[in-house]
N, C-alpha and C. Protein backbone atom coordinates (compact mmCIF):
# COMPACT_ATOMS: atom_id res chain seq x y z
N THR A 1 0.86 -1.17 0.04
CA THR A 1 -0.30 0.26 -0.12
C THR A 1 1.05 1.31 -0.05
N GLY A 2 0.62 2.25 -1.12
CA GLY A 2 1.30 3.48 -0.89
C GLY A 2 3.05 3.02 -1.51
N THR A 3 3.60 2.09 -1.87
CA THR A 3 4.79 1.88 -2.20
C THR A 3 4.60 2.15 -3.94
N ARG A 4 3.73 2.16 -4.64
CA ARG A 4 3.38 2.11 -5.84
C ARG A 4 3.62 3.81 -6.21
N LYS A 5 3.53 4.72 -5.29
CA LYS A 5 3.60 6.34 -5.34
C LYS A 5 4.78 6.70 -5.48
N ASN A 6 6.14 5.89 -4.91
CA ASN A 6 7.21 5.94 -5.03
C ASN A 6 7.72 5.78 -6.00
N PHE A 7 7.20 5.04 -7.34
CA PHE A 7 7.74 4.83 -8.83
C PHE A 7 6.97 5.67 -9.46
N THR A 8 6.12 6.50 -9.19
CA THR A 8 5.34 7.48 -10.27
C THR A 8 5.73 8.72 -10.12
N ARG A 9 6.09 9.45 -11.33
CA ARG A 9 6.53 10.95 -11.15
C ARG A 9 5.05 11.82 -10.80
N ARG A 10 5.61 12.55 -10.29
CA ARG A 10 4.52 13.61 -9.42
C ARG A 10 4.19 14.48 -10.59
N ASN A 11 5.21 14.92 -11.37
CA ASN A 11 5.25 16.12 -12.45
C ASN A 11 5.68 15.62 -13.70
N ALA A 12 5.55 16.17 -14.85
CA ALA A 12 6.36 15.65 -16.12
C ALA A 12 7.69 15.84 -15.94
N TRP A 13 8.19 16.75 -14.93
CA TRP A 13 9.91 16.97 -14.69
C TRP A 13 10.48 15.84 -14.05
N GLY A 14 9.77 15.22 -12.84
CA GLY A 14 9.97 14.32 -11.98
C GLY A 14 9.20 14.48 -10.62
N ASN A 15 9.73 14.29 -9.63
CA ASN A 15 9.28 14.23 -8.39
C ASN A 15 9.35 15.23 -7.69
N TRP A 16 9.85 16.22 -7.94
CA TRP A 16 10.24 17.19 -7.01
C TRP A 16 9.18 18.63 -7.61
N SER A 17 8.46 19.45 -6.59
CA SER A 17 7.75 20.18 -6.82
C SER A 17 8.47 21.50 -6.96
N TYR A 18 7.58 22.50 -7.42
CA TYR A 18 7.66 23.74 -7.91
C TYR A 18 9.26 24.57 -6.71
N ALA A 19 8.30 24.52 -5.43
CA ALA A 19 9.15 25.09 -4.38
C ALA A 19 10.45 23.87 -4.21
N ASP A 20 10.41 22.89 -4.73
CA ASP A 20 11.91 22.23 -4.06
C ASP A 20 12.93 22.60 -5.39
N ILE A 21 12.21 22.79 -6.44
CA ILE A 21 13.01 23.29 -7.54
C ILE A 21 13.60 24.68 -7.36
N ILE A 22 12.69 25.56 -6.95
CA ILE A 22 13.29 26.91 -6.31
C ILE A 22 14.33 26.59 -5.70
N THR A 23 13.91 26.13 -4.37
CA THR A 23 15.10 26.01 -3.47
C THR A 23 16.11 25.38 -3.96
N LYS A 24 16.01 24.46 -4.83
CA LYS A 24 17.67 24.16 -5.55
C LYS A 24 18.49 25.11 -6.27
N ALA A 25 17.69 26.27 -7.37
CA ALA A 25 18.03 27.20 -7.73
C ALA A 25 18.59 28.16 -7.06
N ILE A 26 18.02 28.45 -5.95
CA ILE A 26 18.46 29.88 -5.21
C ILE A 26 19.65 29.16 -4.25
N ASN A 27 19.73 27.59 -3.73
CA ASN A 27 21.04 27.19 -3.24
C ASN A 27 21.96 27.06 -3.97
N SER A 28 21.89 26.77 -5.37
CA SER A 28 23.18 27.04 -6.14
C SER A 28 23.89 28.13 -6.64
N THR A 29 23.66 29.16 -6.10
CA THR A 29 24.41 30.68 -6.14
C THR A 29 24.73 31.27 -4.75
N PRO A 30 26.19 31.52 -5.05
CA PRO A 30 27.01 32.19 -3.99
C PRO A 30 26.37 32.70 -3.02
N ASN A 31 25.23 33.90 -3.43
CA ASN A 31 24.76 34.74 -2.64
C ASN A 31 23.73 34.12 -1.81
N LYS A 32 23.01 33.00 -2.45
CA LYS A 32 21.95 32.46 -1.93
C LYS A 32 20.56 33.61 -2.04
N ARG A 33 20.53 33.92 -3.87
CA ARG A 33 19.52 34.88 -3.87
C ARG A 33 19.36 34.99 -5.15
N MET A 34 18.12 34.90 -6.06
CA MET A 34 18.19 34.81 -7.62
C MET A 34 17.22 36.44 -7.51
N THR A 35 17.08 36.65 -8.75
CA THR A 35 15.96 37.42 -9.34
C THR A 35 14.93 36.31 -10.18
N LEU A 36 13.87 36.91 -10.18
CA LEU A 36 12.78 35.86 -10.56
C LEU A 36 13.12 35.60 -12.32
N SER A 37 13.57 36.24 -13.18
CA SER A 37 14.21 35.90 -14.00
C SER A 37 15.44 35.04 -14.29
N GLU A 38 16.44 35.07 -13.27
CA GLU A 38 17.39 34.31 -12.53
C GLU A 38 16.91 32.66 -12.35
N ILE A 39 15.90 32.91 -11.88
CA ILE A 39 15.15 31.52 -11.54
C ILE A 39 14.62 30.59 -12.67
N TYR A 40 14.07 31.67 -13.11
CA TYR A 40 13.70 30.79 -14.97
C TYR A 40 14.56 30.17 -15.65
N ASN A 41 15.88 31.27 -15.94
CA ASN A 41 17.07 30.93 -16.31
C ASN A 41 17.40 29.59 -15.92
N TRP A 42 17.32 29.40 -14.74
CA TRP A 42 18.28 28.47 -13.84
C TRP A 42 17.29 26.98 -14.39
N MET A 43 16.21 26.92 -14.27
CA MET A 43 14.90 26.21 -14.37
C MET A 43 15.30 25.69 -15.99
N MET A 44 15.37 26.57 -16.88
CA MET A 44 15.41 26.33 -18.39
C MET A 44 17.03 25.42 -18.63
N GLN A 45 18.18 25.96 -17.67
CA GLN A 45 19.03 25.35 -18.22
C GLN A 45 19.49 24.16 -17.17
N ASN A 46 18.68 23.63 -16.78
CA ASN A 46 19.09 22.29 -15.62
C ASN A 46 18.34 21.62 -15.53
N ILE A 47 16.77 21.59 -16.20
CA ILE A 47 16.02 20.77 -15.94
C ILE A 47 15.28 20.66 -17.16
N PRO A 48 15.53 20.03 -18.44
CA PRO A 48 14.99 19.32 -19.63
C PRO A 48 13.73 19.52 -19.62
N PHE A 49 13.02 19.33 -19.01
CA PHE A 49 11.60 19.53 -19.33
C PHE A 49 11.06 21.33 -19.49
N PHE A 50 11.74 21.98 -18.76
CA PHE A 50 11.69 23.59 -18.70
C PHE A 50 12.30 24.10 -20.06
N LYS A 51 13.62 23.36 -20.35
CA LYS A 51 14.27 23.71 -21.48
C LYS A 51 13.73 23.87 -22.61
N GLU A 52 12.46 22.43 -22.83
CA GLU A 52 11.83 22.53 -24.14
C GLU A 52 10.72 23.38 -24.00
N LYS A 53 10.31 23.98 -22.89
CA LYS A 53 9.20 25.22 -22.87
C LYS A 53 9.83 26.20 -23.31
N GLY A 54 11.05 26.35 -22.81
CA GLY A 54 11.78 27.65 -23.09
C GLY A 54 11.01 29.13 -23.15
N GLU A 55 11.14 29.91 -24.11
CA GLU A 55 10.32 31.14 -23.79
C GLU A 55 9.12 31.19 -24.98
N THR A 56 8.98 30.09 -25.48
CA THR A 56 7.39 29.99 -25.96
C THR A 56 6.42 30.30 -25.21
N ASN A 57 5.24 30.26 -25.97
CA ASN A 57 3.71 30.42 -25.34
C ASN A 57 4.06 29.89 -24.31
N SER A 58 4.08 28.37 -24.47
CA SER A 58 3.83 27.48 -23.38
C SER A 58 4.55 27.73 -21.94
N SER A 59 5.54 28.81 -22.04
CA SER A 59 6.14 28.80 -20.95
C SER A 59 5.41 29.71 -19.71
N ALA A 60 4.22 30.38 -20.28
CA ALA A 60 3.27 31.27 -19.59
C ALA A 60 2.94 30.61 -18.10
N GLY A 61 2.24 29.19 -18.39
CA GLY A 61 1.67 28.21 -17.45
C GLY A 61 2.70 27.87 -16.08
N TRP A 62 4.31 27.51 -16.66
CA TRP A 62 5.06 27.09 -15.35
C TRP A 62 5.74 28.50 -14.73
N LYS A 63 5.73 29.64 -15.72
CA LYS A 63 6.24 30.83 -15.00
C LYS A 63 5.38 31.15 -14.16
N ASN A 64 3.84 31.36 -14.29
CA ASN A 64 2.87 31.58 -13.28
C ASN A 64 3.17 30.73 -12.14
N SER A 65 3.46 29.30 -12.33
CA SER A 65 3.56 28.59 -11.44
C SER A 65 4.45 28.80 -10.43
N ILE A 66 5.58 29.67 -11.21
CA ILE A 66 6.88 29.57 -10.14
C ILE A 66 6.65 30.97 -9.34
N ARG A 67 5.98 32.19 -10.23
CA ARG A 67 5.65 33.29 -9.46
C ARG A 67 4.63 32.97 -7.96
N HIS A 68 3.78 31.93 -8.12
CA HIS A 68 2.62 31.78 -7.46
C HIS A 68 3.16 30.68 -6.34
N ASN A 69 4.43 30.34 -6.28
CA ASN A 69 5.14 29.07 -5.37
C ASN A 69 5.75 30.03 -4.53
N LEU A 70 6.42 31.20 -5.09
CA LEU A 70 7.40 31.89 -4.12
C LEU A 70 6.56 32.86 -3.47
N SER A 71 5.57 33.26 -3.62
CA SER A 71 4.19 34.01 -3.03
C SER A 71 3.81 33.28 -1.93
N LEU A 72 3.30 31.97 -2.51
CA LEU A 72 2.70 31.03 -1.43
C LEU A 72 3.27 30.50 -0.35
N HIS A 73 4.78 30.11 -0.36
CA HIS A 73 5.23 29.63 0.58
C HIS A 73 6.04 30.75 1.42
N SER A 74 5.89 30.06 2.97
CA SER A 74 6.70 31.28 3.63
C SER A 74 7.97 30.71 3.52
N CYS A 75 8.67 29.62 2.92
CA CYS A 75 10.05 29.15 3.17
C CYS A 75 11.20 30.41 2.07
N PHE A 76 9.94 31.50 1.41
CA PHE A 76 10.51 32.19 0.32
C PHE A 76 10.42 33.40 1.26
N MET A 77 11.57 34.31 0.41
CA MET A 77 11.20 35.65 0.87
C MET A 77 11.42 36.79 -0.26
N LYS A 78 11.11 37.65 -0.34
CA LYS A 78 11.19 38.65 -1.36
C LYS A 78 11.91 40.08 -1.04
N VAL A 79 13.58 40.21 -0.86
CA VAL A 79 14.11 41.37 -0.38
C VAL A 79 14.23 42.11 -1.48
N GLN A 80 14.24 43.42 -1.54
CA GLN A 80 14.76 44.79 -2.36
C GLN A 80 15.89 44.66 -2.74
N ASN A 81 16.17 44.68 -4.13
CA ASN A 81 17.22 44.47 -4.89
C ASN A 81 18.02 46.18 -4.40
N GLU A 82 19.51 46.24 -4.07
CA GLU A 82 19.72 47.30 -3.69
C GLU A 82 20.37 48.36 -4.98
N SER A 83 20.47 47.69 -6.25
CA SER A 83 20.41 48.22 -7.44
C SER A 83 18.79 49.32 -8.00
N THR A 84 18.85 50.08 -8.17
CA THR A 84 17.65 50.94 -8.46
C THR A 84 17.17 50.11 -9.82
N GLY A 85 15.82 49.73 -9.83
CA GLY A 85 15.41 49.72 -11.04
C GLY A 85 15.40 47.98 -11.36
N LYS A 86 16.25 47.46 -10.55
CA LYS A 86 16.50 45.94 -10.79
C LYS A 86 15.09 45.43 -10.17
N SER A 87 15.10 44.15 -10.55
CA SER A 87 14.21 43.29 -9.78
C SER A 87 14.57 43.01 -8.44
N SER A 88 13.43 42.82 -7.47
CA SER A 88 13.79 42.21 -6.08
C SER A 88 14.51 41.05 -6.25
N TRP A 89 15.16 40.47 -4.98
CA TRP A 89 15.81 39.29 -4.59
C TRP A 89 14.67 38.17 -4.39
N TRP A 90 15.05 37.11 -4.44
CA TRP A 90 14.14 35.94 -3.42
C TRP A 90 15.26 35.07 -3.01
N MET A 91 15.22 34.88 -1.56
CA MET A 91 15.60 34.03 -0.98
C MET A 91 14.97 33.17 0.17
N LEU A 92 16.04 32.35 0.44
CA LEU A 92 15.06 31.30 1.64
C LEU A 92 14.93 32.02 2.95
N ASN A 93 13.79 31.99 3.73
CA ASN A 93 13.41 32.44 4.78
C ASN A 93 14.50 31.93 5.64
N PRO A 94 15.35 32.84 6.42
CA PRO A 94 16.23 32.27 7.65
C PRO A 94 15.72 31.42 8.91
N ASP A 95 14.41 32.39 8.89
CA ASP A 95 13.44 32.22 10.16
C ASP A 95 12.41 30.72 9.68
N TYR A 96 12.53 30.26 8.75
CA TYR A 96 11.88 29.11 8.54
C TYR A 96 12.32 28.02 9.09
N LYS A 97 11.58 27.01 9.96
CA LYS A 97 12.02 26.07 10.37
C LYS A 97 11.61 24.96 10.31
N SER A 98 10.18 24.83 9.36
CA SER A 98 9.22 23.22 9.76
C SER A 98 9.98 22.59 8.21
N SER A 99 9.91 21.28 8.61
CA SER A 99 10.05 20.67 7.04
C SER A 99 8.82 20.40 6.13
N LYS A 100 7.56 20.74 6.78
CA LYS A 100 6.39 20.79 5.87
C LYS A 100 6.49 22.65 5.43
N LEU A 101 5.87 22.85 3.79
CA LEU A 101 5.75 23.72 3.60
C LEU A 101 4.39 24.36 3.93
N PRO A 102 4.06 25.40 4.92
CA PRO A 102 3.11 25.90 5.07
C PRO A 102 2.76 26.85 4.12
N ARG A 103 1.82 27.32 4.03
CA ARG A 103 1.28 28.26 2.98
C ARG A 103 0.50 29.34 3.57
N ARG A 104 0.86 30.45 2.94
CA ARG A 104 0.23 31.76 3.29
C ARG A 104 -1.08 31.90 3.49
N ARG A 105 -2.01 32.19 4.11
CA ARG A 105 -3.56 32.02 4.13
C ARG A 105 -3.57 33.70 3.71
N ALA A 106 -4.65 33.87 3.16
CA ALA A 106 -5.15 35.20 2.85
C ALA A 106 -6.23 35.64 4.05
N ALA A 107 -5.94 36.71 4.48
CA ALA A 107 -6.73 37.13 5.93
C ALA A 107 -8.10 37.28 5.36
N THR A 108 -9.00 36.92 6.59
CA THR A 108 -9.98 36.76 6.48
C THR A 108 -11.03 38.00 7.17
N MET A 109 -11.80 38.59 6.54
CA MET A 109 -12.39 39.70 7.23
C MET A 109 -13.43 39.52 8.25
N ASP A 110 -13.49 39.73 9.51
CA ASP A 110 -14.41 39.89 10.34
C ASP A 110 -15.87 40.57 10.14
N VAL A 111 -16.78 40.15 9.83
CA VAL A 111 -18.03 40.67 9.37
C VAL A 111 -19.30 41.17 10.54
N SER A 112 -18.54 40.59 11.57
CA SER A 112 -19.81 40.75 12.98
C SER A 112 -20.07 41.86 13.27
């Protein structure tokens, strides 16, 4: 029971989640930070599935998923780039401790 899942691929590129791939990309840099564009480029250079998608119209879906995951997971944090006019940096959140990836919840309004 459940062992079959270990042998099936979760995504077209393998068993890594988008969050796993983003983490690998950020950890591959000396400064442990990347712009969104650098994350896209790293994925296209290092994962055949994304290399095939490249800059075609079909790239819109996975790029949207990357942006979504960066915003969704508290293990990632956005930091202002020191250079004016440059994209913000994405880094791993040093305060993040959990082995699970909790998702940021939308604030709910109290209407009582």
